Amino acid sequence: MEQKKIMPTKEKRKLLSPKLDVVFQALFGEVGSERITKKFLEAILDKKLEEVDLSRNIILRREKPEDKMGILVY
């Protein structure tokens, strides 16, 4: 039986820049990313924060590119 060598595929992944609004929002502005947001703010402000609450985010994330963006107004 002939053995085939499995060659690893080199997938080119395009990294998105955190300078893009949508990427920045996904990284630092959604529930579940409080830890990274807190560390980011502490590094920028050079100050310790007790907690970061992202549950009151007013921007609704689009699930599909064709969806419209929503902003909640309190």
C-alpha atoms as a PDB file:
ATOM      1  CA  MET A   1       0.000   0.000   0.000  1.00  0.00           C
ATOM      2  CA  GLU A   2       1.367   3.388  -0.986  1.00  0.00           C
ATOM      3  CA  GLN A   3       1.562   6.007   1.732  1.00  0.00           C
ATOM      4  CA  LYS A   4       0.711   9.568   0.848  1.00  0.00           C
ATOM      5  CA  LYS A   5       2.517  12.359   2.565  1.00  0.00           C
ATOM      6  CA  ILE A   6       0.216  14.902   4.046  1.00  0.00           C
ATOM      7  CA  MET A   7       1.535  18.333   3.331  1.00  0.00           C
ATOM      8  CA  PRO A   8       0.432  21.073   5.682  1.00  0.00           C
ATOM      9  CA  THR A   9      -1.599  23.656   3.861  1.00  0.00           C
ATOM     10  CA  LYS A  10      -0.521  27.213   4.182  1.00  0.00           C
ATOM     11  CA  GLU A  11      -3.668  29.194   4.555  1.00  0.00           C
ATOM     12  CA  LYS A  12      -3.192  32.873   4.175  1.00  0.00           C
ATOM     13  CA  ARG A  13      -5.319  34.597   6.734  1.00  0.00           C
ATOM     14  CA  LYS A  14      -5.970  38.245   6.431  1.00  0.00           C
ATOM     15  CA  LEU A  15      -5.764  39.936   9.791  1.00  0.00           C
ATOM     16  CA  LEU A  16      -8.108  42.811  10.420  1.00  0.00           C
ATOM     17  CA  SER A  17      -6.679  45.941  11.932  1.00  0.00           C
ATOM     18  CA  PRO A  18      -7.998  46.963  15.351  1.00  0.00           C
ATOM     19  CA  LYS A  19      -7.967  50.504  13.947  1.00  0.00           C
ATOM     20  CA  LEU A  20     -11.165  49.648  12.068  1.00  0.00           C
ATOM     21  CA  ASP A  21     -14.230  50.728  14.050  1.00  0.00           C
ATOM     22  CA  VAL A  22     -16.036  47.418  13.702  1.00  0.00           C
ATOM     23  CA  VAL A  23     -12.970  45.421  14.805  1.00  0.00           C
ATOM     24  CA  PHE A  24     -12.260  47.752  17.733  1.00  0.00           C
ATOM     25  CA  GLN A  25     -15.898  47.485  18.819  1.00  0.00           C
ATOM     26  CA  ALA A  26     -15.792  43.682  18.639  1.00  0.00           C
ATOM     27  CA  LEU A  27     -12.542  43.517  20.628  1.00  0.00           C
ATOM     28  CA  PHE A  28     -13.229  46.055  23.337  1.00  0.00           C
ATOM     29  CA  GLY A  29     -16.923  46.901  23.399  1.00  0.00           C
ATOM     30  CA  GLU A  30     -18.933  43.738  23.782  1.00  0.00           C
ATOM     31  CA  VAL A  31     -20.093  41.779  26.790  1.00  0.00           C
ATOM     32  CA  GLY A  32     -17.531  39.068  27.403  1.00  0.00           C
ATOM     33  CA  SER A  33     -14.531  41.233  26.572  1.00  0.00           C
ATOM     34  CA  GLU A  34     -14.438  43.090  29.886  1.00  0.00           C
ATOM     35  CA  ARG A  35     -11.051  41.681  30.873  1.00  0.00           C
ATOM     36  CA  ILE A  36      -9.214  42.786  27.737  1.00  0.00           C
ATOM     37  CA  THR A  37     -11.035  46.135  27.787  1.00  0.00           C
ATOM     38  CA  LYS A  38     -10.044  46.702  31.401  1.00  0.00           C
ATOM     39  CA  LYS A  39      -6.379  45.878  30.688  1.00  0.00           C
ATOM     40  CA  PHE A  40      -6.407  48.156  27.629  1.00  0.00           C
ATOM     41  CA  LEU A  41      -7.895  51.096  29.567  1.00  0.00           C
ATOM     42  CA  GLU A  42      -5.519  50.589  32.497  1.00  0.00           C
ATOM     43  CA  ALA A  43      -2.545  50.678  30.120  1.00  0.00           C
ATOM     44  CA  ILE A  44      -3.749  53.857  28.418  1.00  0.00           C
ATOM     45  CA  LEU A  45      -4.807  55.677  31.584  1.00  0.00           C
ATOM     46  CA  ASP A  46      -1.918  54.344  33.704  1.00  0.00           C
ATOM     47  CA  LYS A  47      -4.476  53.791  36.433  1.00  0.00           C
ATOM     48  CA  LYS A  48      -6.014  50.710  38.101  1.00  0.00           C
ATOM     49  CA  LEU A  49      -9.726  50.196  37.461  1.00  0.00           C
ATOM     50  CA  GLU A  50     -12.016  48.199  39.733  1.00  0.00           C
ATOM     51  CA  GLU A  51     -14.328  46.930  37.000  1.00  0.00           C
ATOM     52  CA  VAL A  52     -15.553  47.574  33.487  1.00  0.00           C
ATOM     53  CA  ASP A  53     -19.253  47.192  32.671  1.00  0.00           C
ATOM     54  CA  LEU A  54     -20.059  46.673  29.002  1.00  0.00           C
ATOM     55  CA  SER A  55     -23.676  45.608  29.515  1.00  0.00           C
ATOM     56  CA  ARG A  56     -24.946  49.070  28.624  1.00  0.00           C
ATOM     57  CA  ASN A  57     -23.409  49.123  25.149  1.00  0.00           C
ATOM     58  CA  ILE A  58     -25.798  51.147  22.973  1.00  0.00           C
ATOM     59  CA  ILE A  59     -24.500  49.901  19.615  1.00  0.00           C
ATOM     60  CA  LEU A  60     -26.149  46.748  18.298  1.00  0.00           C
ATOM     61  CA  ARG A  61     -23.754  44.523  16.389  1.00  0.00           C
ATOM     62  CA  ARG A  62     -24.696  43.435  12.875  1.00  0.00           C
ATOM     63  CA  GLU A  63     -24.876  39.683  12.401  1.00  0.00           C
ATOM     64  CA  LYS A  64     -24.698  39.824   8.586  1.00  0.00           C
ATOM     65  CA  PRO A  65     -23.114  42.424   6.294  1.00  0.00           C
ATOM     66  CA  GLU A  66     -26.505  43.324   4.854  1.00  0.00           C
ATOM     67  CA  ASP A  67     -28.011  44.025   8.298  1.00  0.00           C
ATOM     68  CA  LYS A  68     -28.452  47.607   9.370  1.00  0.00           C
ATOM     69  CA  MET A  69     -26.632  48.988  12.364  1.00  0.00           C
ATOM     70  CA  GLY A  70     -28.753  49.914  15.353  1.00  0.00           C
ATOM     71  CA  ILE A  71     -28.086  52.336  18.183  1.00  0.00           C
ATOM     72  CA  LEU A  72     -30.207  52.234  21.320  1.00  0.00           C
ATOM     73  CA  VAL A  73     -31.301  55.551  22.748  1.00  0.00           C
ATOM     74  CA  TYR A  74     -32.106  55.650  26.461  1.00  0.00           C
END
